[in-house]
Amino acid sequence: MTQKPKSDKPVRLRPRRPCPVCGSPSQQKYHPFCSARCADIDLHRWLGGQYAIPAVDVPDFADAGESNDGRDET
């Protein structure tokens, strides 16, 4: 068997993309971020609710005495 020469660089399975926080090239160790700092900033944003999806409250028809189709329930 022949041995392949060892490469100093790891094989990339994902394309290199910019860091979503600062725009610098991402590092494999912190993928998709460029550093632990940017990863922590993103985590803080998630935990702080900055990435929350706004929701619209649906009216509760049972409390109003109305059904979903607008007819009386008698």
N, C-alpha and C. Protein backbone atom coordinates (compact mmCIF):
# COMPACT_ATOMS: atom_id res chain seq x y z
N MET A 1 0.84 -1.18 0.00
CA MET A 1 0.00 0.00 0.00
C MET A 1 0.88 1.24 0.00
N THR A 2 0.43 2.21 -0.73
CA THR A 2 1.17 3.46 -0.75
C THR A 2 0.52 4.44 0.22
N GLN A 3 1.33 5.21 0.88
CA GLN A 3 0.81 6.19 1.82
C GLN A 3 0.73 7.54 1.14
N LYS A 4 -0.34 8.24 1.45
CA LYS A 4 -0.50 9.58 0.92
C LYS A 4 0.27 10.54 1.81
N PRO A 5 0.85 11.55 1.23
CA PRO A 5 1.55 12.52 2.08
C PRO A 5 0.55 13.27 2.96
N LYS A 6 0.93 13.48 4.20
CA LYS A 6 0.05 14.17 5.14
C LYS A 6 0.00 15.65 4.80
N SER A 7 -1.18 16.18 4.91
CA SER A 7 -1.37 17.60 4.66
C SER A 7 -1.50 18.32 5.99
N ASP A 8 -0.94 19.51 6.08
CA ASP A 8 -1.02 20.28 7.31
C ASP A 8 -2.40 20.90 7.50
N LYS A 9 -3.12 21.09 6.41
CA LYS A 9 -4.44 21.73 6.49
C LYS A 9 -5.52 20.66 6.58
N PRO A 10 -6.53 20.89 7.44
CA PRO A 10 -7.63 19.93 7.52
C PRO A 10 -8.52 20.00 6.28
N VAL A 11 -9.21 18.94 6.01
CA VAL A 11 -10.12 18.87 4.88
C VAL A 11 -11.40 19.63 5.26
N ARG A 12 -11.79 20.57 4.43
CA ARG A 12 -12.99 21.36 4.71
C ARG A 12 -14.20 20.64 4.13
N LEU A 13 -15.19 20.41 4.99
CA LEU A 13 -16.42 19.78 4.55
C LEU A 13 -17.49 20.82 4.24
N ARG A 14 -17.34 22.01 4.81
CA ARG A 14 -18.29 23.09 4.59
C ARG A 14 -17.56 24.25 3.89
N PRO A 15 -18.26 24.96 3.03
CA PRO A 15 -17.61 26.11 2.41
C PRO A 15 -17.35 27.20 3.43
N ARG A 16 -16.28 27.92 3.25
CA ARG A 16 -15.95 29.02 4.16
C ARG A 16 -16.88 30.18 3.86
N ARG A 17 -17.56 30.64 4.91
CA ARG A 17 -18.50 31.75 4.78
C ARG A 17 -18.11 32.83 5.75
N PRO A 18 -18.58 34.03 5.52
CA PRO A 18 -18.25 35.10 6.46
C PRO A 18 -18.99 34.91 7.78
N CYS A 19 -18.38 35.41 8.83
CA CYS A 19 -18.98 35.36 10.17
C CYS A 19 -20.28 36.16 10.15
N PRO A 20 -21.39 35.60 10.67
CA PRO A 20 -22.66 36.33 10.64
C PRO A 20 -22.68 37.55 11.58
N VAL A 21 -21.73 37.65 12.50
CA VAL A 21 -21.72 38.76 13.45
C VAL A 21 -20.88 39.92 12.91
N CYS A 22 -19.64 39.63 12.48
CA CYS A 22 -18.73 40.72 12.10
C CYS A 22 -18.33 40.71 10.63
N GLY A 23 -18.57 39.61 9.91
CA GLY A 23 -18.25 39.56 8.49
C GLY A 23 -16.86 39.05 8.16
N SER A 24 -16.02 38.76 9.17
CA SER A 24 -14.69 38.20 8.93
C SER A 24 -14.81 36.76 8.45
N PRO A 25 -13.79 36.21 7.80
CA PRO A 25 -13.84 34.81 7.38
C PRO A 25 -14.01 33.88 8.59
N SER A 26 -14.89 32.89 8.47
CA SER A 26 -15.15 31.98 9.58
C SER A 26 -13.96 31.05 9.80
N GLN A 27 -13.82 30.58 11.02
CA GLN A 27 -12.78 29.62 11.39
C GLN A 27 -13.44 28.27 11.66
N GLN A 28 -12.78 27.20 11.26
CA GLN A 28 -13.35 25.88 11.42
C GLN A 28 -13.65 25.56 12.89
N LYS A 29 -12.80 26.00 13.79
CA LYS A 29 -12.98 25.71 15.21
C LYS A 29 -14.26 26.33 15.76
N TYR A 30 -14.67 27.49 15.23
CA TYR A 30 -15.84 28.21 15.74
C TYR A 30 -16.98 28.29 14.73
N HIS A 31 -16.94 27.47 13.71
CA HIS A 31 -17.89 27.54 12.59
C HIS A 31 -19.31 27.69 13.09
N PRO A 32 -20.09 28.60 12.59
CA PRO A 32 -19.90 29.48 11.45
C PRO A 32 -19.29 30.83 11.82
N PHE A 33 -18.77 30.96 13.02
CA PHE A 33 -18.22 32.23 13.49
C PHE A 33 -16.71 32.27 13.28
N CYS A 34 -16.14 33.47 13.49
CA CYS A 34 -14.70 33.63 13.32
C CYS A 34 -13.95 33.47 14.63
N SER A 35 -14.64 33.61 15.75
CA SER A 35 -13.97 33.53 17.05
C SER A 35 -14.98 33.18 18.13
N ALA A 36 -14.46 32.87 19.31
CA ALA A 36 -15.33 32.58 20.45
C ALA A 36 -16.12 33.82 20.84
N ARG A 37 -15.52 34.99 20.65
CA ARG A 37 -16.19 36.25 20.98
C ARG A 37 -17.47 36.41 20.16
N CYS A 38 -17.38 36.20 18.86
CA CYS A 38 -18.56 36.34 18.00
C CYS A 38 -19.60 35.26 18.31
N ALA A 39 -19.16 34.06 18.65
CA ALA A 39 -20.09 33.01 19.04
C ALA A 39 -20.83 33.40 20.31
N ASP A 40 -20.11 34.00 21.27
CA ASP A 40 -20.74 34.44 22.52
C ASP A 40 -21.71 35.60 22.29
N ILE A 41 -21.37 36.50 21.38
CA ILE A 41 -22.27 37.61 21.04
C ILE A 41 -23.58 37.06 20.47
N ASP A 42 -23.47 36.08 19.58
CA ASP A 42 -24.66 35.49 18.98
C ASP A 42 -25.50 34.76 20.03
N LEU A 43 -24.84 34.03 20.94
CA LEU A 43 -25.56 33.34 22.00
C LEU A 43 -26.30 34.33 22.89
N HIS A 44 -25.66 35.46 23.21
CA HIS A 44 -26.29 36.49 24.03
C HIS A 44 -27.53 37.05 23.32
N ARG A 45 -27.44 37.21 22.01
CA ARG A 45 -28.60 37.70 21.26
C ARG A 45 -29.76 36.71 21.31
N TRP A 46 -29.45 35.41 21.19
CA TRP A 46 -30.50 34.40 21.27
C TRP A 46 -31.12 34.39 22.66
N LEU A 47 -30.30 34.37 23.69
CA LEU A 47 -30.82 34.30 25.05
C LEU A 47 -31.53 35.59 25.47
N GLY A 48 -31.15 36.71 24.87
CA GLY A 48 -31.78 37.98 25.19
C GLY A 48 -33.08 38.22 24.44
N GLY A 49 -33.42 37.34 23.51
CA GLY A 49 -34.68 37.46 22.78
C GLY A 49 -34.61 38.37 21.57
N GLN A 50 -33.43 38.75 21.12
CA GLN A 50 -33.33 39.62 19.95
C GLN A 50 -33.67 38.89 18.66
N TYR A 51 -33.61 37.56 18.67
CA TYR A 51 -33.94 36.79 17.47
C TYR A 51 -35.37 36.23 17.53
N ALA A 52 -36.19 36.75 18.43
CA ALA A 52 -37.56 36.25 18.58
C ALA A 52 -38.39 36.58 17.34
N ILE A 53 -39.27 35.69 16.99
CA ILE A 53 -40.17 35.90 15.87
C ILE A 53 -41.44 36.56 16.42
N PRO A 54 -41.82 37.72 15.89
CA PRO A 54 -43.02 38.37 16.41
C PRO A 54 -44.25 37.54 16.09
N ALA A 55 -45.14 37.45 17.05
CA ALA A 55 -46.35 36.65 16.89
C ALA A 55 -47.58 37.54 17.03
N VAL A 56 -48.64 37.15 16.37
CA VAL A 56 -49.90 37.85 16.46
C VAL A 56 -50.82 37.01 17.35
N ASP A 57 -51.39 37.64 18.38
CA ASP A 57 -52.31 36.91 19.26
C ASP A 57 -53.60 36.62 18.52
N VAL A 58 -54.01 35.36 18.59
CA VAL A 58 -55.26 34.93 17.98
C VAL A 58 -56.36 35.17 19.00
N PRO A 59 -57.47 35.79 18.59
CA PRO A 59 -58.55 36.02 19.56
C PRO A 59 -59.12 34.70 20.06
N ASP A 60 -59.43 34.67 21.33
CA ASP A 60 -59.99 33.46 21.95
C ASP A 60 -61.51 33.55 21.86
N PHE A 61 -62.11 32.77 20.97
CA PHE A 61 -63.54 32.85 20.72
C PHE A 61 -64.36 32.26 21.87
N ALA A 62 -63.80 31.35 22.66
CA ALA A 62 -64.55 30.75 23.76
C ALA A 62 -64.86 31.79 24.83
N ASP A 63 -63.95 32.72 25.08
CA ASP A 63 -64.18 33.75 26.08
C ASP A 63 -65.18 34.80 25.60
N ALA A 64 -65.24 35.04 24.32
CA ALA A 64 -66.13 36.06 23.78
C ALA A 64 -67.54 35.52 23.53
N GLY A 65 -67.74 34.21 23.66
CA GLY A 65 -69.06 33.62 23.43
C GLY A 65 -69.38 33.46 21.97
N GLU A 66 -68.40 33.52 21.12
CA GLU A 66 -68.60 33.36 19.68
C GLU A 66 -67.91 32.09 19.20
N SER A 67 -68.41 31.51 18.13
CA SER A 67 -67.74 30.36 17.54
C SER A 67 -66.82 30.84 16.42
N ASN A 68 -66.07 29.93 15.86
CA ASN A 68 -65.11 30.28 14.81
C ASN A 68 -65.79 30.74 13.53
N ASP A 69 -67.02 30.28 13.26
CA ASP A 69 -67.67 30.65 12.00
C ASP A 69 -68.63 31.82 12.16
N GLY A 70 -68.75 32.38 13.36
CA GLY A 70 -69.58 33.57 13.56
C GLY A 70 -71.01 33.27 13.96
N ARG A 71 -71.43 31.99 14.01
CA ARG A 71 -72.78 31.64 14.40
C ARG A 71 -72.87 31.45 15.91
N ASP A 72 -74.06 31.61 16.46
CA ASP A 72 -74.27 31.40 17.90
C ASP A 72 -74.27 29.92 18.21
N GLU A 73 -73.79 29.58 19.42
CA GLU A 73 -73.72 28.18 19.84
C GLU A 73 -74.92 27.87 20.73
N THR A 74 -76.12 27.75 20.15
CA THR A 74 -77.31 27.44 20.96
C THR A 74 -77.92 26.15 20.60
